[in-house]
């Protein structure tokens, strides 16, 4: 039995989605713009919760940067 691939989010289950390799540039741009719009709406609505969650994740994974260190 083959194992379900790990998605960037870490999820191993859900609805499969394959990006067709024959999209036109216009189709690809439309999908990109849709995803960008969705990201913006989610970011606006959940900004505080996202910030807190990301902060907690980084704290739990041993982010050793000094507070004033640049992220690069």
PDB file of N, CA and C in Angstrom:
ATOM      1  N   UNK A   1       0.845  -1.167   0.000  1.00  0.00           N
ATOM      2  CA  UNK A   1       0.000   0.000   0.000  1.00  0.00           C
ATOM      3  C   UNK A   1       0.895   1.235   0.000  1.00  0.00           C
ATOM      4  N   UNK A   2       0.618   2.173  -0.913  1.00  0.00           N
ATOM      5  CA  UNK A   2       1.431   3.385  -0.986  1.00  0.00           C
ATOM      6  C   UNK A   2       0.995   4.370   0.087  1.00  0.00           C
ATOM      7  N   UNK A   3       1.953   5.104   0.549  1.00  0.00           N
ATOM      8  CA  UNK A   3       1.690   6.077   1.603  1.00  0.00           C
ATOM      9  C   UNK A   3       1.270   7.405   0.998  1.00  0.00           C
ATOM     10  N   UNK A   4       0.309   8.083   1.611  1.00  0.00           N
ATOM     11  CA  UNK A   4      -0.152   9.378   1.136  1.00  0.00           C
ATOM     12  C   UNK A   4       0.978  10.388   1.281  1.00  0.00           C
ATOM     13  N   UNK A   5       1.255  11.172   0.234  1.00  0.00           N
ATOM     14  CA  UNK A   5       2.351  12.132   0.327  1.00  0.00           C
ATOM     15  C   UNK A   5       2.075  13.206   1.374  1.00  0.00           C
ATOM     16  N   UNK A   6       3.140  13.656   2.000  1.00  0.00           N
ATOM     17  CA  UNK A   6       3.044  14.714   2.989  1.00  0.00           C
ATOM     18  C   UNK A   6       2.977  16.045   2.252  1.00  0.00           C
ATOM     19  N   UNK A   7       1.934  16.818   2.534  1.00  0.00           N
ATOM     20  CA  UNK A   7       1.770  18.129   1.923  1.00  0.00           C
ATOM     21  C   UNK A   7       2.608  19.156   2.681  1.00  0.00           C
ATOM     22  N   UNK A   8       2.862  20.323   2.079  1.00  0.00           N
ATOM     23  CA  UNK A   8       3.648  21.346   2.780  1.00  0.00           C
ATOM     24  C   UNK A   8       3.085  21.701   4.154  1.00  0.00           C
ATOM     25  N   UNK A   9       1.774  21.575   4.315  1.00  0.00           N
ATOM     26  CA  UNK A   9       1.147  21.883   5.601  1.00  0.00           C
ATOM     27  C   UNK A   9       1.404  20.800   6.639  1.00  0.00           C
ATOM     28  N   UNK A  10       1.906  19.651   6.194  1.00  0.00           N
ATOM     29  CA  UNK A  10       2.114  18.528   7.101  1.00  0.00           C
ATOM     30  C   UNK A  10       0.954  17.548   7.104  1.00  0.00           C
ATOM     31  N   UNK A  11      -0.126  17.895   6.412  1.00  0.00           N
ATOM     32  CA  UNK A  11      -1.304  17.026   6.359  1.00  0.00           C
ATOM     33  C   UNK A  11      -1.041  15.823   5.464  1.00  0.00           C
ATOM     34  N   UNK A  12      -1.641  14.711   5.822  1.00  0.00           N
ATOM     35  CA  UNK A  12      -1.536  13.501   5.020  1.00  0.00           C
ATOM     36  C   UNK A  12      -2.900  13.047   4.501  1.00  0.00           C
ATOM     37  N   UNK A  13      -3.939  13.802   4.818  1.00  0.00           N
ATOM     38  CA  UNK A  13      -5.271  13.421   4.365  1.00  0.00           C
ATOM     39  C   UNK A  13      -6.017  14.646   3.887  1.00  0.00           C
ATOM     40  N   UNK A  14      -7.048  14.443   3.149  1.00  0.00           N
ATOM     41  CA  UNK A  14      -7.853  15.523   2.609  1.00  0.00           C
ATOM     42  C   UNK A  14      -8.156  15.240   1.146  1.00  0.00           C
ATOM     43  N   UNK A  15      -8.675  16.217   0.487  1.00  0.00           N
ATOM     44  CA  UNK A  15      -9.011  16.055  -0.923  1.00  0.00           C
ATOM     45  C   UNK A  15      -7.757  16.203  -1.775  1.00  0.00           C
ATOM     46  N   UNK A  16      -7.490  15.225  -2.624  1.00  0.00           N
ATOM     47  CA  UNK A  16      -6.309  15.331  -3.476  1.00  0.00           C
ATOM     48  C   UNK A  16      -6.528  16.390  -4.552  1.00  0.00           C
ATOM     49  N   UNK A  17      -5.482  17.060  -4.909  1.00  0.00           N
ATOM     50  CA  UNK A  17      -5.564  18.057  -5.962  1.00  0.00           C
ATOM     51  C   UNK A  17      -4.266  18.037  -6.743  1.00  0.00           C
ATOM     52  N   UNK A  18      -4.395  17.880  -8.040  1.00  0.00           N
ATOM     53  CA  UNK A  18      -3.233  17.883  -8.910  1.00  0.00           C
ATOM     54  C   UNK A  18      -3.353  19.075  -9.835  1.00  0.00           C
ATOM     55  N   UNK A  19      -2.292  19.844  -9.940  1.00  0.00           N
ATOM     56  CA  UNK A  19      -2.289  20.987 -10.847  1.00  0.00           C
ATOM     57  C   UNK A  19      -1.970  20.459 -12.250  1.00  0.00           C
ATOM     58  N   UNK A  20      -2.894  20.668 -13.176  1.00  0.00           N
ATOM     59  CA  UNK A  20      -2.641  20.207 -14.540  1.00  0.00           C
ATOM     60  C   UNK A  20      -1.412  20.888 -15.117  1.00  0.00           C
ATOM     61  N   UNK A  21      -0.677  20.155 -15.925  1.00  0.00           N
ATOM     62  CA  UNK A  21       0.530  20.739 -16.526  1.00  0.00           C
ATOM     63  C   UNK A  21       0.251  21.385 -17.880  1.00  0.00           C
ATOM     64  N   UNK A  22      -1.024  21.482 -18.243  1.00  0.00           N
ATOM     65  CA  UNK A  22      -1.344  22.093 -19.535  1.00  0.00           C
ATOM     66  C   UNK A  22      -2.171  23.374 -19.403  1.00  0.00           C
ATOM     67  N   UNK A  23      -2.134  24.007 -18.208  1.00  0.00           N
ATOM     68  CA  UNK A  23      -2.811  25.282 -18.064  1.00  0.00           C
ATOM     69  C   UNK A  23      -2.162  26.328 -18.944  1.00  0.00           C
ATOM     70  N   UNK A  24      -2.986  27.251 -19.397  1.00  0.00           N
ATOM     71  CA  UNK A  24      -2.431  28.401 -20.108  1.00  0.00           C
ATOM     72  C   UNK A  24      -1.879  29.368 -19.060  1.00  0.00           C
ATOM     73  N   UNK A  25      -1.004  30.285 -19.464  1.00  0.00           N
ATOM     74  CA  UNK A  25      -0.532  31.284 -18.502  1.00  0.00           C
ATOM     75  C   UNK A  25      -1.688  32.069 -17.870  1.00  0.00           C
ATOM     76  N   UNK A  26      -2.737  32.312 -18.635  1.00  0.00           N
ATOM     77  CA  UNK A  26      -3.887  33.038 -18.108  1.00  0.00           C
ATOM     78  C   UNK A  26      -4.601  32.237 -17.027  1.00  0.00           C
ATOM     79  N   UNK A  27      -4.734  30.921 -17.222  1.00  0.00           N
ATOM     80  CA  UNK A  27      -5.363  30.066 -16.221  1.00  0.00           C
ATOM     81  C   UNK A  27      -4.514  30.019 -14.948  1.00  0.00           C
ATOM     82  N   UNK A  28      -3.227  29.877 -15.113  1.00  0.00           N
ATOM     83  CA  UNK A  28      -2.336  29.854 -13.961  1.00  0.00           C
ATOM     84  C   UNK A  28      -2.414  31.173 -13.194  1.00  0.00           C
ATOM     85  N   UNK A  29      -2.455  32.287 -13.902  1.00  0.00           N
ATOM     86  CA  UNK A  29      -2.552  33.597 -13.261  1.00  0.00           C
ATOM     87  C   UNK A  29      -3.879  33.733 -12.518  1.00  0.00           C
ATOM     88  N   UNK A  30      -4.962  33.248 -13.103  1.00  0.00           N
ATOM     89  CA  UNK A  30      -6.269  33.328 -12.442  1.00  0.00           C
ATOM     90  C   UNK A  30      -6.259  32.553 -11.127  1.00  0.00           C
ATOM     91  N   UNK A  31      -5.668  31.365 -11.123  1.00  0.00           N
ATOM     92  CA  UNK A  31      -5.584  30.565  -9.900  1.00  0.00           C
ATOM     93  C   UNK A  31      -4.687  31.261  -8.882  1.00  0.00           C
ATOM     94  N   UNK A  32      -3.560  31.788  -9.339  1.00  0.00           N
ATOM     95  CA  UNK A  32      -2.645  32.511  -8.450  1.00  0.00           C
ATOM     96  C   UNK A  32      -3.355  33.692  -7.801  1.00  0.00           C
ATOM     97  N   UNK A  33      -4.097  34.461  -8.589  1.00  0.00           N
ATOM     98  CA  UNK A  33      -4.809  35.622  -8.052  1.00  0.00           C
ATOM     99  C   UNK A  33      -5.895  35.202  -7.062  1.00  0.00           C
ATOM    100  N   UNK A  34      -6.600  34.114  -7.350  1.00  0.00           N
ATOM    101  CA  UNK A  34      -7.615  33.611  -6.431  1.00  0.00           C
ATOM    102  C   UNK A  34      -6.980  33.225  -5.101  1.00  0.00           C
ATOM    103  N   UNK A  35      -5.887  32.466  -5.156  1.00  0.00           N
ATOM    104  CA  UNK A  35      -5.217  32.053  -3.924  1.00  0.00           C
ATOM    105  C   UNK A  35      -4.680  33.260  -3.155  1.00  0.00           C
ATOM    106  N   UNK A  36      -4.169  34.233  -3.865  1.00  0.00           N
ATOM    107  CA  UNK A  36      -3.670  35.449  -3.231  1.00  0.00           C
ATOM    108  C   UNK A  36      -4.809  36.199  -2.537  1.00  0.00           C
ATOM    109  N   UNK A  37      -5.967  36.267  -3.187  1.00  0.00           N
ATOM    110  CA  UNK A  37      -7.130  36.917  -2.583  1.00  0.00           C
ATOM    111  C   UNK A  37      -7.590  36.166  -1.338  1.00  0.00           C
ATOM    112  N   UNK A  38      -7.632  34.838  -1.416  1.00  0.00           N
ATOM    113  CA  UNK A  38      -8.035  34.035  -0.256  1.00  0.00           C
ATOM    114  C   UNK A  38      -7.059  34.251   0.891  1.00  0.00           C
ATOM    115  N   UNK A  39      -5.775  34.238   0.596  1.00  0.00           N
ATOM    116  CA  UNK A  39      -4.761  34.471   1.621  1.00  0.00           C
ATOM    117  C   UNK A  39      -4.953  35.826   2.283  1.00  0.00           C
ATOM    118  N   UNK A  40      -5.240  36.841   1.487  1.00  0.00           N
ATOM    119  CA  UNK A  40      -5.435  38.184   2.023  1.00  0.00           C
ATOM    120  C   UNK A  40      -6.646  38.248   2.946  1.00  0.00           C
ATOM    121  N   UNK A  41      -7.745  37.614   2.550  1.00  0.00           N
ATOM    122  CA  UNK A  41      -8.952  37.618   3.372  1.00  0.00           C
ATOM    123  C   UNK A  41      -8.705  36.881   4.687  1.00  0.00           C
ATOM    124  N   UNK A  42      -8.061  35.722   4.620  1.00  0.00           N
ATOM    125  CA  UNK A  42      -7.761  34.964   5.836  1.00  0.00           C
ATOM    126  C   UNK A  42      -6.824  35.763   6.732  1.00  0.00           C
ATOM    127  N   UNK A  43      -5.805  36.366   6.130  1.00  0.00           N
ATOM    128  CA  UNK A  43      -4.847  37.158   6.899  1.00  0.00           C
ATOM    129  C   UNK A  43      -5.533  38.328   7.597  1.00  0.00           C
ATOM    130  N   UNK A  44      -6.426  39.023   6.898  1.00  0.00           N
ATOM    131  CA  UNK A  44      -7.124  40.157   7.502  1.00  0.00           C
ATOM    132  C   UNK A  44      -8.027  39.722   8.652  1.00  0.00           C
ATOM    133  N   UNK A  45      -8.723  38.617   8.455  1.00  0.00           N
ATOM    134  CA  UNK A  45      -9.688  38.179   9.469  1.00  0.00           C
ATOM    135  C   UNK A  45      -9.012  37.555  10.690  1.00  0.00           C
ATOM    136  N   UNK A  46      -7.925  36.826  10.474  1.00  0.00           N
ATOM    137  CA  UNK A  46      -7.284  36.077  11.550  1.00  0.00           C
ATOM    138  C   UNK A  46      -5.897  36.584  11.915  1.00  0.00           C
ATOM    139  N   UNK A  47      -5.589  37.824  11.614  1.00  0.00           N
ATOM    140  CA  UNK A  47      -4.230  38.346  11.795  1.00  0.00           C
ATOM    141  C   UNK A  47      -3.696  38.091  13.206  1.00  0.00           C
ATOM    142  N   UNK A  48      -4.458  38.448  14.215  1.00  0.00           N
ATOM    143  CA  UNK A  48      -3.975  38.299  15.591  1.00  0.00           C
ATOM    144  C   UNK A  48      -3.774  36.829  15.961  1.00  0.00           C
ATOM    145  N   UNK A  49      -4.753  35.992  15.613  1.00  0.00           N
ATOM    146  CA  UNK A  49      -4.652  34.575  15.937  1.00  0.00           C
ATOM    147  C   UNK A  49      -3.488  33.917  15.187  1.00  0.00           C
ATOM    148  N   UNK A  50      -3.300  34.295  13.925  1.00  0.00           N
ATOM    149  CA  UNK A  50      -2.191  33.749  13.148  1.00  0.00           C
ATOM    150  C   UNK A  50      -0.858  34.144  13.774  1.00  0.00           C
ATOM    151  N   UNK A  51      -0.746  35.403  14.154  1.00  0.00           N
ATOM    152  CA  UNK A  51       0.486  35.886  14.773  1.00  0.00           C
ATOM    153  C   UNK A  51       0.784  35.107  16.056  1.00  0.00           C
ATOM    154  N   UNK A  52      -0.239  34.940  16.892  1.00  0.00           N
ATOM    155  CA  UNK A  52      -0.054  34.213  18.148  1.00  0.00           C
ATOM    156  C   UNK A  52       0.313  32.752  17.899  1.00  0.00           C
ATOM    157  N   UNK A  53      -0.334  32.133  16.934  1.00  0.00           N
ATOM    158  CA  UNK A  53      -0.064  30.733  16.633  1.00  0.00           C
ATOM    159  C   UNK A  53       1.348  30.553  16.080  1.00  0.00           C
ATOM    160  N   UNK A  54       1.742  31.410  15.158  1.00  0.00           N
ATOM    161  CA  UNK A  54       3.098  31.324  14.607  1.00  0.00           C
ATOM    162  C   UNK A  54       4.139  31.577  15.689  1.00  0.00           C
ATOM    163  N   UNK A  55       3.872  32.522  16.560  1.00  0.00           N
ATOM    164  CA  UNK A  55       4.792  32.819  17.656  1.00  0.00           C
ATOM    165  C   UNK A  55       4.949  31.590  18.556  1.00  0.00           C
ATOM    166  N   UNK A  56       3.827  30.938  18.886  1.00  0.00           N
ATOM    167  CA  UNK A  56       3.868  29.755  19.741  1.00  0.00           C
ATOM    168  C   UNK A  56       4.612  28.613  19.056  1.00  0.00           C
ATOM    169  N   UNK A  57       4.399  28.420  17.766  1.00  0.00           N
ATOM    170  CA  UNK A  57       5.101  27.362  17.035  1.00  0.00           C
ATOM    171  C   UNK A  57       6.596  27.599  17.046  1.00  0.00           C
ATOM    172  N   UNK A  58       7.002  28.823  16.816  1.00  0.00           N
ATOM    173  CA  UNK A  58       8.433  29.141  16.794  1.00  0.00           C
ATOM    174  C   UNK A  58       9.042  28.959  18.184  1.00  0.00           C
ATOM    175  N   UNK A  59       8.304  29.325  19.210  1.00  0.00           N
ATOM    176  CA  UNK A  59       8.799  29.167  20.575  1.00  0.00           C
ATOM    177  C   UNK A  59       8.969  27.688  20.911  1.00  0.00           C
ATOM    178  N   UNK A  60       8.058  26.856  20.413  1.00  0.00           N
ATOM    179  CA  UNK A  60       8.115  25.423  20.691  1.00  0.00           C
ATOM    180  C   UNK A  60       9.195  24.708  19.891  1.00  0.00           C
ATOM    181  N   UNK A  61       9.658  25.306  18.822  1.00  0.00           N
ATOM    182  CA  UNK A  61      10.680  24.673  17.983  1.00  0.00           C
ATOM    183  C   UNK A  61      12.065  25.240  18.254  1.00  0.00           C
ATOM    184  N   UNK A  62      12.225  25.915  19.363  1.00  0.00           N
ATOM    185  CA  UNK A  62      13.547  26.355  19.780  1.00  0.00           C
ATOM    186  C   UNK A  62      14.155  27.431  18.914  1.00  0.00           C
ATOM    187  N   UNK A  63      13.374  28.428  18.512  1.00  0.00           N
ATOM    188  CA  UNK A  63      13.919  29.548  17.760  1.00  0.00           C
ATOM    189  C   UNK A  63      14.909  30.257  18.676  1.00  0.00           C
ATOM    190  N   UNK A  64      16.196  30.163  18.358  1.00  0.00           N
ATOM    191  CA  UNK A  64      17.239  30.671  19.245  1.00  0.00           C
ATOM    192  C   UNK A  64      17.717  32.062  18.876  1.00  0.00           C
ATOM    193  N   UNK A  65      17.067  32.710  17.924  1.00  0.00           N
ATOM    194  CA  UNK A  65      17.498  34.069  17.548  1.00  0.00           C
ATOM    195  C   UNK A  65      17.296  35.033  18.707  1.00  0.00           C
ATOM    196  N   UNK A  66      18.205  35.938  18.862  1.00  0.00           N
ATOM    197  CA  UNK A  66      18.044  37.012  19.828  1.00  0.00           C
ATOM    198  C   UNK A  66      16.979  37.932  19.268  1.00  0.00           C
ATOM    199  N   UNK A  67      16.163  38.511  20.132  1.00  0.00           N
ATOM    200  CA  UNK A  67      15.012  39.312  19.718  1.00  0.00           C
ATOM    201  C   UNK A  67      15.363  40.364  18.659  1.00  0.00           C
ATOM    202  N   UNK A  68      16.519  41.009  18.747  1.00  0.00           N
ATOM    203  CA  UNK A  68      16.877  42.084  17.811  1.00  0.00           C
ATOM    204  C   UNK A  68      17.618  41.600  16.573  1.00  0.00           C
ATOM    205  N   UNK A  69      17.881  40.289  16.486  1.00  0.00           N
ATOM    206  CA  UNK A  69      18.587  39.756  15.320  1.00  0.00           C
ATOM    207  C   UNK A  69      17.674  39.817  14.104  1.00  0.00           C
ATOM    208  N   UNK A  70      18.213  40.204  12.937  1.00  0.00           N
ATOM    209  CA  UNK A  70      17.406  40.169  11.716  1.00  0.00           C
ATOM    210  C   UNK A  70      17.110  38.719  11.349  1.00  0.00           C
ATOM    211  N   UNK A  71      16.028  38.477  10.609  1.00  0.00           N
ATOM    212  CA  UNK A  71      15.621  37.100  10.300  1.00  0.00           C
ATOM    213  C   UNK A  71      16.436  36.462   9.191  1.00  0.00           C
ATOM    214  N   UNK A  72      17.546  37.049   8.804  1.00  0.00           N
ATOM    215  CA  UNK A  72      18.359  36.456   7.733  1.00  0.00           C
ATOM    216  C   UNK A  72      19.744  36.182   8.186  1.00  0.00           C
TER     217      UNK A  72
END
